[in-house]
PDB file of N, CA and C in Angstrom:
ATOM      1  N   VAL A   1       0.856  -1.199   0.000  1.00  0.00           N
ATOM      2  CA  VAL A   1       0.000   0.000   0.000  1.00  0.00           C
ATOM      3  C   VAL A   1       0.885   1.240   0.000  1.00  0.00           C
ATOM      4  N   GLN A   2       0.581   2.161  -0.902  1.00  0.00           N
ATOM      5  CA  GLN A   2       1.312   3.438  -0.941  1.00  0.00           C
ATOM      6  C   GLN A   2       0.369   4.589  -1.231  1.00  0.00           C
ATOM      7  N   LEU A   3       0.631   5.705  -0.587  1.00  0.00           N
ATOM      8  CA  LEU A   3      -0.042   6.953  -0.900  1.00  0.00           C
ATOM      9  C   LEU A   3       1.067   7.980  -1.110  1.00  0.00           C
ATOM     10  N   GLN A   4       1.160   8.494  -2.304  1.00  0.00           N
ATOM     11  CA  GLN A   4       2.270   9.374  -2.664  1.00  0.00           C
ATOM     12  C   GLN A   4       1.743  10.776  -2.928  1.00  0.00           C
ATOM     13  N   ALA A   5       1.991  11.671  -1.999  1.00  0.00           N
ATOM     14  CA  ALA A   5       1.551  13.062  -2.142  1.00  0.00           C
ATOM     15  C   ALA A   5       2.592  13.863  -2.898  1.00  0.00           C
ATOM     16  N   SER A   6       2.111  14.786  -3.712  1.00  0.00           N
ATOM     17  CA  SER A   6       3.011  15.649  -4.472  1.00  0.00           C
ATOM     18  C   SER A   6       2.319  16.963  -4.788  1.00  0.00           C
ATOM     19  N   GLY A   7       3.094  17.910  -5.307  1.00  0.00           N
ATOM     20  CA  GLY A   7       2.520  19.176  -5.734  1.00  0.00           C
ATOM     21  C   GLY A   7       2.795  20.350  -4.828  1.00  0.00           C
ATOM     22  N   GLY A   8       3.461  20.109  -3.720  1.00  0.00           N
ATOM     23  CA  GLY A   8       3.770  21.198  -2.813  1.00  0.00           C
ATOM     24  C   GLY A   8       4.853  22.103  -3.359  1.00  0.00           C
ATOM     25  N   GLY A   9       5.087  23.209  -2.657  1.00  0.00           N
ATOM     26  CA  GLY A   9       6.109  24.142  -3.077  1.00  0.00           C
ATOM     27  C   GLY A   9       5.918  25.487  -2.428  1.00  0.00           C
ATOM     28  N   LEU A  10       6.614  26.468  -2.971  1.00  0.00           N
ATOM     29  CA  LEU A  10       6.532  27.845  -2.473  1.00  0.00           C
ATOM     30  C   LEU A  10       5.485  28.596  -3.294  1.00  0.00           C
ATOM     31  N   VAL A  11       4.536  29.198  -2.601  1.00  0.00           N
ATOM     32  CA  VAL A  11       3.451  29.913  -3.265  1.00  0.00           C
ATOM     33  C   VAL A  11       3.281  31.271  -2.600  1.00  0.00           C
ATOM     34  N   GLN A  12       2.940  32.258  -3.390  1.00  0.00           N
ATOM     35  CA  GLN A  12       2.691  33.582  -2.831  1.00  0.00           C
ATOM     36  C   GLN A  12       1.299  33.647  -2.198  1.00  0.00           C
ATOM     37  N   PRO A  13       1.141  34.472  -1.195  1.00  0.00           N
ATOM     38  CA  PRO A  13      -0.202  34.646  -0.611  1.00  0.00           C
ATOM     39  C   PRO A  13      -1.206  35.049  -1.684  1.00  0.00           C
ATOM     40  N   GLY A  14      -2.394  34.471  -1.575  1.00  0.00           N
ATOM     41  CA  GLY A  14      -3.431  34.724  -2.565  1.00  0.00           C
ATOM     42  C   GLY A  14      -3.440  33.752  -3.721  1.00  0.00           C
ATOM     43  N   GLY A  15      -2.385  32.974  -3.842  1.00  0.00           N
ATOM     44  CA  GLY A  15      -2.296  32.025  -4.935  1.00  0.00           C
ATOM     45  C   GLY A  15      -3.084  30.750  -4.670  1.00  0.00           C
ATOM     46  N   SER A  16      -3.008  29.839  -5.635  1.00  0.00           N
ATOM     47  CA  SER A  16      -3.696  28.550  -5.531  1.00  0.00           C
ATOM     48  C   SER A  16      -2.714  27.426  -5.768  1.00  0.00           C
ATOM     49  N   LEU A  17      -3.106  26.263  -5.292  1.00  0.00           N
ATOM     50  CA  LEU A  17      -2.247  25.100  -5.430  1.00  0.00           C
ATOM     51  C   LEU A  17      -3.121  23.861  -5.498  1.00  0.00           C
ATOM     52  N   ARG A  18      -2.708  22.893  -6.285  1.00  0.00           N
ATOM     53  CA  ARG A  18      -3.398  21.609  -6.293  1.00  0.00           C
ATOM     54  C   ARG A  18      -2.399  20.512  -5.933  1.00  0.00           C
ATOM     55  N   LEU A  19      -2.689  19.840  -4.857  1.00  0.00           N
ATOM     56  CA  LEU A  19      -1.880  18.709  -4.430  1.00  0.00           C
ATOM     57  C   LEU A  19      -2.504  17.420  -4.957  1.00  0.00           C
ATOM     58  N   SER A  20      -1.663  16.440  -5.215  1.00  0.00           N
ATOM     59  CA  SER A  20      -2.126  15.149  -5.701  1.00  0.00           C
ATOM     60  C   SER A  20      -1.701  14.047  -4.747  1.00  0.00           C
ATOM     61  N   CYS A  21      -2.520  13.029  -4.684  1.00  0.00           N
ATOM     62  CA  CYS A  21      -2.197  11.850  -3.883  1.00  0.00           C
ATOM     63  C   CYS A  21      -2.432  10.634  -4.766  1.00  0.00           C
ATOM     64  N   LEU A  22      -1.364  10.045  -5.237  1.00  0.00           N
ATOM     65  CA  LEU A  22      -1.446   8.846  -6.064  1.00  0.00           C
ATOM     66  C   LEU A  22      -1.395   7.625  -5.167  1.00  0.00           C
ATOM     67  N   VAL A  23      -2.410   6.787  -5.266  1.00  0.00           N
ATOM     68  CA  VAL A  23      -2.477   5.618  -4.386  1.00  0.00           C
ATOM     69  C   VAL A  23      -2.204   4.353  -5.181  1.00  0.00           C
ATOM     70  N   SER A  24      -1.698   3.355  -4.498  1.00  0.00           N
ATOM     71  CA  SER A  24      -1.459   2.053  -5.105  1.00  0.00           C
ATOM     72  C   SER A  24      -1.542   0.984  -4.027  1.00  0.00           C
ATOM     73  N   GLY A  25      -1.799  -0.248  -4.472  1.00  0.00           N
ATOM     74  CA  GLY A  25      -1.865  -1.351  -3.532  1.00  0.00           C
ATOM     75  C   GLY A  25      -3.257  -1.626  -2.995  1.00  0.00           C
ATOM     76  N   PHE A  26      -4.227  -0.791  -3.368  1.00  0.00           N
ATOM     77  CA  PHE A  26      -5.611  -1.029  -2.993  1.00  0.00           C
ATOM     78  C   PHE A  26      -6.508  -0.330  -4.012  1.00  0.00           C
ATOM     79  N   THR A  27      -7.781  -0.687  -3.990  1.00  0.00           N
ATOM     80  CA  THR A  27      -8.733  -0.125  -4.947  1.00  0.00           C
ATOM     81  C   THR A  27      -9.320   1.157  -4.382  1.00  0.00           C
ATOM     82  N   LEU A  28      -8.969   2.269  -5.023  1.00  0.00           N
ATOM     83  CA  LEU A  28      -9.363   3.577  -4.501  1.00  0.00           C
ATOM     84  C   LEU A  28     -10.874   3.709  -4.362  1.00  0.00           C
ATOM     85  N   ASN A  29     -11.630   3.104  -5.278  1.00  0.00           N
ATOM     86  CA  ASN A  29     -13.089   3.237  -5.304  1.00  0.00           C
ATOM     87  C   ASN A  29     -13.730   2.915  -3.954  1.00  0.00           C
ATOM     88  N   TYR A  30     -13.141   2.008  -3.214  1.00  0.00           N
ATOM     89  CA  TYR A  30     -13.786   1.477  -2.027  1.00  0.00           C
ATOM     90  C   TYR A  30     -13.370   2.158  -0.726  1.00  0.00           C
ATOM     91  N   HIS A  31     -12.527   3.170  -0.849  1.00  0.00           N
ATOM     92  CA  HIS A  31     -11.931   3.725   0.368  1.00  0.00           C
ATOM     93  C   HIS A  31     -12.135   5.223   0.503  1.00  0.00           C
ATOM     94  N   THR A  32     -12.162   5.641   1.764  1.00  0.00           N
ATOM     95  CA  THR A  32     -12.204   7.055   2.100  1.00  0.00           C
ATOM     96  C   THR A  32     -10.782   7.572   2.253  1.00  0.00           C
ATOM     97  N   ILE A  33     -10.505   8.642   1.523  1.00  0.00           N
ATOM     98  CA  ILE A  33      -9.172   9.255   1.558  1.00  0.00           C
ATOM     99  C   ILE A  33      -9.299  10.685   2.064  1.00  0.00           C
ATOM    100  N   GLY A  34      -8.454  11.016   3.000  1.00  0.00           N
ATOM    101  CA  GLY A  34      -8.495  12.357   3.566  1.00  0.00           C
ATOM    102  C   GLY A  34      -7.188  13.096   3.398  1.00  0.00           C
ATOM    103  N   TRP A  35      -7.276  14.400   3.543  1.00  0.00           N
ATOM    104  CA  TRP A  35      -6.093  15.250   3.574  1.00  0.00           C
ATOM    105  C   TRP A  35      -5.960  15.859   4.965  1.00  0.00           C
ATOM    106  N   PHE A  36      -4.736  15.865   5.446  1.00  0.00           N
ATOM    107  CA  PHE A  36      -4.398  16.444   6.736  1.00  0.00           C
ATOM    108  C   PHE A  36      -3.206  17.385   6.527  1.00  0.00           C
ATOM    109  N   ARG A  37      -2.950  18.191   7.505  1.00  0.00           N
ATOM    110  CA  ARG A  37      -1.756  19.024   7.449  1.00  0.00           C
ATOM    111  C   ARG A  37      -1.180  19.212   8.849  1.00  0.00           C
ATOM    112  N   GLN A  38       0.115  19.471   8.851  1.00  0.00           N
ATOM    113  CA  GLN A  38       0.802  19.700  10.118  1.00  0.00           C
ATOM    114  C   GLN A  38       1.740  20.891   9.958  1.00  0.00           C
ATOM    115  N   ALA A  39       1.401  21.952  10.657  1.00  0.00           N
ATOM    116  CA  ALA A  39       2.238  23.147  10.635  1.00  0.00           C
ATOM    117  C   ALA A  39       3.360  22.997  11.660  1.00  0.00           C
ATOM    118  N   PRO A  40       4.442  23.725  11.490  1.00  0.00           N
ATOM    119  CA  PRO A  40       5.554  23.634  12.440  1.00  0.00           C
ATOM    120  C   PRO A  40       5.101  23.883  13.876  1.00  0.00           C
ATOM    121  N   GLY A  41       5.431  22.954  14.750  1.00  0.00           N
ATOM    122  CA  GLY A  41       5.095  23.108  16.160  1.00  0.00           C
ATOM    123  C   GLY A  41       3.649  22.840  16.515  1.00  0.00           C
ATOM    124  N   LYS A  42       2.882  22.371  15.554  1.00  0.00           N
ATOM    125  CA  LYS A  42       1.458  22.122  15.816  1.00  0.00           C
ATOM    126  C   LYS A  42       1.106  20.662  15.557  1.00  0.00           C
ATOM    127  N   GLU A  43      -0.055  20.274  16.054  1.00  0.00           N
ATOM    128  CA  GLU A  43      -0.517  18.913  15.825  1.00  0.00           C
ATOM    129  C   GLU A  43      -1.081  18.771  14.406  1.00  0.00           C
ATOM    130  N   ARG A  44      -1.074  17.546  13.938  1.00  0.00           N
ATOM    131  CA  ARG A  44      -1.648  17.267  12.633  1.00  0.00           C
ATOM    132  C   ARG A  44      -3.167  17.446  12.710  1.00  0.00           C
ATOM    133  N   GLU A  45      -3.723  18.126  11.715  1.00  0.00           N
ATOM    134  CA  GLU A  45      -5.157  18.393  11.717  1.00  0.00           C
ATOM    135  C   GLU A  45      -5.793  17.960  10.407  1.00  0.00           C
ATOM    136  N   GLY A  46      -7.037  17.571  10.486  1.00  0.00           N
ATOM    137  CA  GLY A  46      -7.748  17.156   9.293  1.00  0.00           C
ATOM    138  C   GLY A  46      -8.274  18.336   8.506  1.00  0.00           C
ATOM    139  N   ILE A  47      -8.285  18.188   7.175  1.00  0.00           N
ATOM    140  CA  ILE A  47      -8.820  19.232   6.305  1.00  0.00           C
ATOM    141  C   ILE A  47     -10.175  18.800   5.762  1.00  0.00           C
ATOM    142  N   SER A  48     -10.203  17.709   5.065  1.00  0.00           N
ATOM    143  CA  SER A  48     -11.431  17.173   4.509  1.00  0.00           C
ATOM    144  C   SER A  48     -11.128  15.820   3.897  1.00  0.00           C
ATOM    145  N   CYS A  49     -12.164  15.142   3.411  1.00  0.00           N
ATOM    146  CA  CYS A  49     -11.930  13.850   2.784  1.00  0.00           C
ATOM    147  C   CYS A  49     -13.043  13.544   1.790  1.00  0.00           C
ATOM    148  N   VAL A  50     -12.804  12.537   0.979  1.00  0.00           N
ATOM    149  CA  VAL A  50     -13.828  12.018   0.076  1.00  0.00           C
ATOM    150  C   VAL A  50     -14.080  10.563   0.426  1.00  0.00           C
ATOM    151  N   THR A  51     -15.346  10.217   0.517  1.00  0.00           N
ATOM    152  CA  THR A  51     -15.753   8.847   0.803  1.00  0.00           C
ATOM    153  C   THR A  51     -15.985   8.121  -0.515  1.00  0.00           C
ATOM    154  N   PRO A  52     -16.238   6.826  -0.477  1.00  0.00           N
ATOM    155  CA  PRO A  52     -16.518   6.100  -1.723  1.00  0.00           C
ATOM    156  C   PRO A  52     -17.728   6.651  -2.481  1.00  0.00           C
ATOM    157  N   ASN A  53     -18.622   7.336  -1.774  1.00  0.00           N
ATOM    158  CA  ASN A  53     -19.834   7.846  -2.412  1.00  0.00           C
ATOM    159  C   ASN A  53     -19.750   9.302  -2.845  1.00  0.00           C
ATOM    160  N   THR A  54     -18.606   9.928  -2.647  1.00  0.00           N
ATOM    161  CA  THR A  54     -18.476  11.335  -3.017  1.00  0.00           C
ATOM    162  C   THR A  54     -17.347  11.521  -4.025  1.00  0.00           C
ATOM    163  N   VAL A  55     -17.553  12.449  -4.942  1.00  0.00           N
ATOM    164  CA  VAL A  55     -16.544  12.750  -5.964  1.00  0.00           C
ATOM    165  C   VAL A  55     -15.718  13.950  -5.547  1.00  0.00           C
ATOM    166  N   ASN A  56     -16.374  14.940  -4.968  1.00  0.00           N
ATOM    167  CA  ASN A  56     -15.624  16.086  -4.467  1.00  0.00           C
ATOM    168  C   ASN A  56     -16.369  16.726  -3.297  1.00  0.00           C
ATOM    169  N   VAL A  57     -15.590  17.348  -2.427  1.00  0.00           N
ATOM    170  CA  VAL A  57     -16.113  18.026  -1.246  1.00  0.00           C
ATOM    171  C   VAL A  57     -15.395  19.360  -1.111  1.00  0.00           C
ATOM    172  N   THR A  58     -16.155  20.424  -0.942  1.00  0.00           N
ATOM    173  CA  THR A  58     -15.570  21.751  -0.769  1.00  0.00           C
ATOM    174  C   THR A  58     -15.870  22.268   0.622  1.00  0.00           C
ATOM    175  N   LYS A  59     -14.831  22.683   1.304  1.00  0.00           N
ATOM    176  CA  LYS A  59     -14.971  23.328   2.612  1.00  0.00           C
ATOM    177  C   LYS A  59     -14.183  24.625   2.562  1.00  0.00           C
ATOM    178  N   GLY A  60     -14.888  25.710   2.374  1.00  0.00           N
ATOM    179  CA  GLY A  60     -14.236  27.003   2.305  1.00  0.00           C
ATOM    180  C   GLY A  60     -13.280  27.078   1.127  1.00  0.00           C
ATOM    181  N   ARG A  61     -12.012  27.269   1.431  1.00  0.00           N
ATOM    182  CA  ARG A  61     -10.992  27.399   0.381  1.00  0.00           C
ATOM    183  C   ARG A  61     -10.432  26.060  -0.081  1.00  0.00           C
ATOM    184  N   PHE A  62     -10.891  24.987   0.507  1.00  0.00           N
ATOM    185  CA  PHE A  62     -10.331  23.668   0.255  1.00  0.00           C
ATOM    186  C   PHE A  62     -11.343  22.779  -0.469  1.00  0.00           C
ATOM    187  N   THR A  63     -10.884  22.139  -1.546  1.00  0.00           N
ATOM    188  CA  THR A  63     -11.709  21.176  -2.260  1.00  0.00           C
ATOM    189  C   THR A  63     -10.935  19.884  -2.422  1.00  0.00           C
ATOM    190  N   VAL A  64     -11.525  18.803  -1.938  1.00  0.00           N
ATOM    191  CA  VAL A  64     -10.948  17.475  -2.121  1.00  0.00           C
ATOM    192  C   VAL A  64     -11.759  16.767  -3.191  1.00  0.00           C
ATOM    193  N   SER A  65     -11.075  16.161  -4.146  1.00  0.00           N
ATOM    194  CA  SER A  65     -11.770  15.451  -5.215  1.00  0.00           C
ATOM    195  C   SER A  65     -11.029  14.160  -5.521  1.00  0.00           C
ATOM    196  N   ARG A  66     -11.710  13.262  -6.177  1.00  0.00           N
ATOM    197  CA  ARG A  66     -11.087  11.985  -6.503  1.00  0.00           C
ATOM    198  C   ARG A  66     -11.289  11.658  -7.964  1.00  0.00           C
ATOM    199  N   ASN A  67     -10.321  10.963  -8.541  1.00  0.00           N
ATOM    200  CA  ASN A  67     -10.414  10.397  -9.882  1.00  0.00           C
ATOM    201  C   ASN A  67     -10.015   8.941  -9.757  1.00  0.00           C
ATOM    202  N   ASN A  68     -11.013   8.082  -9.638  1.00  0.00           N
ATOM    203  CA  ASN A  68     -10.731   6.667  -9.404  1.00  0.00           C
ATOM    204  C   ASN A  68      -9.961   6.038 -10.572  1.00  0.00           C
ATOM    205  N   ALA A  69     -10.246   6.511 -11.781  1.00  0.00           N
ATOM    206  CA  ALA A  69      -9.570   5.949 -12.956  1.00  0.00           C
ATOM    207  C   ALA A  69      -8.070   6.227 -12.927  1.00  0.00           C
ATOM    208  N   LYS A  70      -7.691   7.333 -12.274  1.00  0.00           N
ATOM    209  CA  LYS A  70      -6.276   7.688 -12.187  1.00  0.00           C
ATOM    210  C   LYS A  70      -5.676   7.332 -10.828  1.00  0.00           C
ATOM    211  N   ASN A  71      -6.477   6.673  -9.984  1.00  0.00           N
ATOM    212  CA  ASN A  71      -6.010   6.298  -8.638  1.00  0.00           C
ATOM    213  C   ASN A  71      -5.455   7.501  -7.879  1.00  0.00           C
ATOM    214  N   THR A  72      -6.117   8.626  -8.039  1.00  0.00           N
ATOM    215  CA  THR A  72      -5.584   9.876  -7.491  1.00  0.00           C
ATOM    216  C   THR A  72      -6.676  10.677  -6.778  1.00  0.00           C
ATOM    217  N   VAL A  73      -6.290  11.230  -5.649  1.00  0.00           N
ATOM    218  CA  VAL A  73      -7.136  12.163  -4.906  1.00  0.00           C
ATOM    219  C   VAL A  73      -6.419  13.507  -4.885  1.00  0.00           C
ATOM    220  N   TYR A  74      -7.173  14.566  -5.053  1.00  0.00           N
ATOM    221  CA  TYR A  74      -6.591  15.902  -5.156  1.00  0.00           C
ATOM    222  C   TYR A  74      -7.045  16.792  -3.995  1.00  0.00           C
ATOM    223  N   LEU A  75      -6.217  17.758  -3.683  1.00  0.00           N
ATOM    224  CA  LEU A  75      -6.592  18.814  -2.749  1.00  0.00           C
ATOM    225  C   LEU A  75      -6.300  20.151  -3.430  1.00  0.00           C
ATOM    226  N   GLN A  76      -7.350  20.881  -3.717  1.00  0.00           N
ATOM    227  CA  GLN A  76      -7.212  22.209  -4.297  1.00  0.00           C
ATOM    228  C   GLN A  76      -7.318  23.225  -3.170  1.00  0.00           C
ATOM    229  N   ILE A  77      -6.351  24.117  -3.079  1.00  0.00           N
ATOM    230  CA  ILE A  77      -6.370  25.163  -2.057  1.00  0.00           C
ATOM    231  C   ILE A  77      -6.333  26.509  -2.766  1.00  0.00           C
ATOM    232  N   ASN A  78      -7.309  27.327  -2.496  1.00  0.00           N
ATOM    233  CA  ASN A  78      -7.387  28.665  -3.100  1.00  0.00           C
ATOM    234  C   ASN A  78      -7.111  29.744  -2.061  1.00  0.00           C
ATOM    235  N   SER A  79      -6.775  30.922  -2.561  1.00  0.00           N
ATOM    236  CA  SER A  79      -6.530  32.082  -1.694  1.00  0.00           C
ATOM    237  C   SER A  79      -5.599  31.731  -0.543  1.00  0.00           C
ATOM    238  N   LEU A  80      -4.473  31.181  -0.886  1.00  0.00           N
ATOM    239  CA  LEU A  80      -3.527  30.707   0.130  1.00  0.00           C
ATOM    240  C   LEU A  80      -3.066  31.824   1.049  1.00  0.00           C
ATOM    241  N   LYS A  81      -2.893  31.456   2.321  1.00  0.00           N
ATOM    242  CA  LYS A  81      -2.463  32.389   3.364  1.00  0.00           C
ATOM    243  C   LYS A  81      -1.180  31.864   4.005  1.00  0.00           C
ATOM    244  N   PRO A  82      -0.388  32.737   4.588  1.00  0.00           N
ATOM    245  CA  PRO A  82       0.834  32.266   5.252  1.00  0.00           C
ATOM    246  C   PRO A  82       0.551  31.187   6.291  1.00  0.00           C
ATOM    247  N   GLU A  83      -0.595  31.251   6.940  1.00  0.00           N
ATOM    248  CA  GLU A  83      -0.923  30.238   7.946  1.00  0.00           C
ATOM    249  C   GLU A  83      -1.267  28.880   7.347  1.00  0.00           C
ATOM    250  N   ASP A  84      -1.342  28.795   6.037  1.00  0.00           N
ATOM    251  CA  ASP A  84      -1.515  27.499   5.380  1.00  0.00           C
ATOM    252  C   ASP A  84      -0.180  26.757   5.233  1.00  0.00           C
ATOM    253  N   THR A  85       0.899  27.399   5.588  1.00  0.00           N
ATOM    254  CA  THR A  85       2.210  26.763   5.514  1.00  0.00           C
ATOM    255  C   THR A  85       2.243  25.540   6.419  1.00  0.00           C
ATOM    256  N   ALA A  86       2.540  24.389   5.816  1.00  0.00           N
ATOM    257  CA  ALA A  86       2.497  23.124   6.556  1.00  0.00           C
ATOM    258  C   ALA A  86       2.965  22.005   5.641  1.00  0.00           C
ATOM    259  N   VAL A  87       3.150  20.849   6.235  1.00  0.00           N
ATOM    260  CA  VAL A  87       3.313  19.629   5.446  1.00  0.00           C
ATOM    261  C   VAL A  87       1.925  19.007   5.303  1.00  0.00           C
ATOM    262  N   TYR A  88       1.571  18.703   4.073  1.00  0.00           N
ATOM    263  CA  TYR A  88       0.245  18.171   3.772  1.00  0.00           C
ATOM    264  C   TYR A  88       0.346  16.670   3.503  1.00  0.00           C
ATOM    265  N   TYR A  89      -0.542  15.922   4.148  1.00  0.00           N
ATOM    266  CA  TYR A  89      -0.542  14.469   4.038  1.00  0.00           C
ATOM    267  C   TYR A  89      -1.879  13.967   3.520  1.00  0.00           C
ATOM    268  N   CYS A  90      -1.822  12.951   2.691  1.00  0.00           N
ATOM    269  CA  CYS A  90      -3.041  12.224   2.368  1.00  0.00           C
ATOM    270  C   CYS A  90      -3.008  10.909   3.141  1.00  0.00           C
ATOM    271  N   ALA A  91      -4.192  10.362   3.373  1.00  0.00           N
ATOM    272  CA  ALA A  91      -4.268   9.195   4.233  1.00  0.00           C
ATOM    273  C   ALA A  91      -5.510   8.370   3.922  1.00  0.00           C
ATOM    274  N   ARG A  92      -5.382   7.078   4.130  1.00  0.00           N
ATOM    275  CA  ARG A  92      -6.521   6.171   3.940  1.00  0.00           C
ATOM    276  C   ARG A  92      -7.185   5.914   5.287  1.00  0.00           C
ATOM    277  N   HIS A  93      -8.479   6.104   5.346  1.00  0.00           N
ATOM    278  CA  HIS A  93      -9.225   5.854   6.574  1.00  0.00           C
ATOM    279  C   HIS A  93      -9.516   4.370   6.744  1.00  0.00           C
ATOM    280  N   ARG A  94      -9.712   3.976   7.990  1.00  0.00           N
ATOM    281  CA  ARG A  94     -10.047   2.580   8.272  1.00  0.00           C
ATOM    282  C   ARG A  94     -11.445   2.235   7.781  1.00  0.00           C
ATOM    283  N   GLY A  95     -12.368   3.152   7.947  1.00  0.00           N
ATOM    284  CA  GLY A  95     -13.755   2.893   7.600  1.00  0.00           C
ATOM    285  C   GLY A  95     -14.246   3.854   6.542  1.00  0.00           C
ATOM    286  N   PRO A  96     -15.536   3.845   6.293  1.00  0.00           N
ATOM    287  CA  PRO A  96     -16.105   4.652   5.219  1.00  0.00           C
ATOM    288  C   PRO A  96     -16.283   6.135   5.548  1.00  0.00           C
ATOM    289  N   ASP A  97     -16.208   6.489   6.818  1.00  0.00           N
ATOM    290  CA  ASP A  97     -16.486   7.866   7.209  1.00  0.00           C
ATOM    291  C   ASP A  97     -15.209   8.666   7.402  1.00  0.00           C
ATOM    292  N   CYS A  98     -15.344   9.980   7.200  1.00  0.00           N
ATOM    293  CA  CYS A  98     -14.221  10.865   7.490  1.00  0.00           C
ATOM    294  C   CYS A  98     -13.991  10.904   8.992  1.00  0.00           C
ATOM    295  N   GLY A  99     -12.741  10.954   9.383  1.00  0.00           N
ATOM    296  CA  GLY A  99     -12.462  10.960  10.814  1.00  0.00           C
ATOM    297  C   GLY A  99     -11.180  11.681  11.153  1.00  0.00           C
ATOM    298  N   THR A 100     -10.742  11.470  12.359  1.00  0.00           N
ATOM    299  CA  THR A 100      -9.528  12.117  12.845  1.00  0.00           C
ATOM    300  C   THR A 100      -8.318  11.246  12.537  1.00  0.00           C
ATOM    301  N   THR A 101      -7.170  11.671  13.023  1.00  0.00           N
ATOM    302  CA  THR A 101      -5.953  10.891  12.792  1.00  0.00           C
ATOM    303  C   THR A 101      -6.057   9.502  13.401  1.00  0.00           C
ATOM    304  N   ALA A 102      -6.908   9.354  14.410  1.00  0.00           N
ATOM    305  CA  ALA A 102      -7.063   8.045  15.052  1.00  0.00           C
ATOM    306  C   ALA A 102      -7.736   7.033  14.127  1.00  0.00           C
ATOM    307  N   GLN A 103      -8.440   7.519  13.114  1.00  0.00           N
ATOM    308  CA  GLN A 103      -9.145   6.638  12.177  1.00  0.00           C
ATOM    309  C   GLN A 103      -8.341   6.318  10.926  1.00  0.00           C
ATOM    310  N   ILE A 104      -7.064   6.679  10.915  1.00  0.00           N
ATOM    311  CA  ILE A 104      -6.233   6.490   9.732  1.00  0.00           C
ATOM    312  C   ILE A 104      -5.527   5.144   9.754  1.00  0.00           C
ATOM    313  N   MET A 105      -5.573   4.470   8.621  1.00  0.00           N
ATOM    314  CA  MET A 105      -4.923   3.172   8.469  1.00  0.00           C
ATOM    315  C   MET A 105      -3.555   3.310   7.809  1.00  0.00           C
ATOM    316  N   ASP A 106      -3.478   4.196   6.805  1.00  0.00           N
ATOM    317  CA  ASP A 106      -2.217   4.374   6.077  1.00  0.00           C
ATOM    318  C   ASP A 106      -1.992   5.849   5.780  1.00  0.00           C
ATOM    319  N   TRP A 107      -0.753   6.291   5.979  1.00  0.00           N
ATOM    320  CA  TRP A 107      -0.363   7.676   5.699  1.00  0.00           C
ATOM    321  C   TRP A 107       0.533   7.754   4.482  1.00  0.00           C
ATOM    322  N   GLY A 108       0.408   8.831   3.734  1.00  0.00           N
ATOM    323  CA  GLY A 108       1.378   9.155   2.704  1.00  0.00           C
ATOM    324  C   GLY A 108       2.563   9.852   3.342  1.00  0.00           C
ATOM    325  N   GLN A 109       3.556  10.185   2.514  1.00  0.00           N
ATOM    326  CA  GLN A 109       4.796  10.720   3.064  1.00  0.00           C
ATOM    327  C   GLN A 109       4.763  12.235   3.273  1.00  0.00           C
ATOM    328  N   GLY A 110       3.787  12.927   2.760  1.00  0.00           N
ATOM    329  CA  GLY A 110       3.662  14.369   2.940  1.00  0.00           C
ATOM    330  C   GLY A 110       4.341  15.166   1.849  1.00  0.00           C
ATOM    331  N   THR A 111       3.759  16.329   1.591  1.00  0.00           N
ATOM    332  CA  THR A 111       4.358  17.275   0.657  1.00  0.00           C
ATOM    333  C   THR A 111       4.289  18.660   1.308  1.00  0.00           C
ATOM    334  N   GLU A 112       5.376  19.398   1.214  1.00  0.00           N
ATOM    335  CA  GLU A 112       5.492  20.643   1.955  1.00  0.00           C
ATOM    336  C   GLU A 112       4.976  21.829   1.146  1.00  0.00           C
ATOM    337  N   VAL A 113       4.162  22.636   1.803  1.00  0.00           N
ATOM    338  CA  VAL A 113       3.639  23.853   1.191  1.00  0.00           C
ATOM    339  C   VAL A 113       4.105  25.046   2.022  1.00  0.00           C
ATOM    340  N   THR A 114       4.715  26.006   1.363  1.00  0.00           N
ATOM    341  CA  THR A 114       5.144  27.227   2.022  1.00  0.00           C
ATOM    342  C   THR A 114       4.478  28.402   1.327  1.00  0.00           C
ATOM    343  N   VAL A 115       3.782  29.199   2.114  1.00  0.00           N
ATOM    344  CA  VAL A 115       3.098  30.368   1.566  1.00  0.00           C
ATOM    345  C   VAL A 115       3.826  31.611   2.077  1.00  0.00           C
ATOM    346  N   SER A 116       4.474  32.287   1.165  1.00  0.00           N
ATOM    347  CA  SER A 116       5.287  33.434   1.555  1.00  0.00           C
ATOM    348  C   SER A 116       5.527  34.320   0.350  1.00  0.00           C
ATOM    349  N   SER A 117       5.658  35.599   0.608  1.00  0.00           N
ATOM    350  CA  SER A 117       5.990  36.528  -0.467  1.00  0.00           C
ATOM    351  C   SER A 117       7.499  36.766  -0.520  1.00  0.00           C
TER     352      SER A 117
END
């Protein structure tokens, strides 16, 4: 099982970014995949997720979407702020519902996002 996050980098405030999570070793269609982030000195926090029954979910500036044919889940972040600076992780949940870090079965390796001018 692998979850490979990519797409991070240095972005100016107000910009947008799309992160990708390429999964392998399991059938994406049947699983809930979430995005989390961890800022320096802070605990890892959940952003949002897509369940097997959802194609995309938008929460404020964050949209999580899935493309089962490409085995990929995306995180679109708009209007980036310096406080969005963090390492972003994708993760497979144990069950069908979105949950906290305690409900995670597998983590990706993370991709770093820095928002700065």
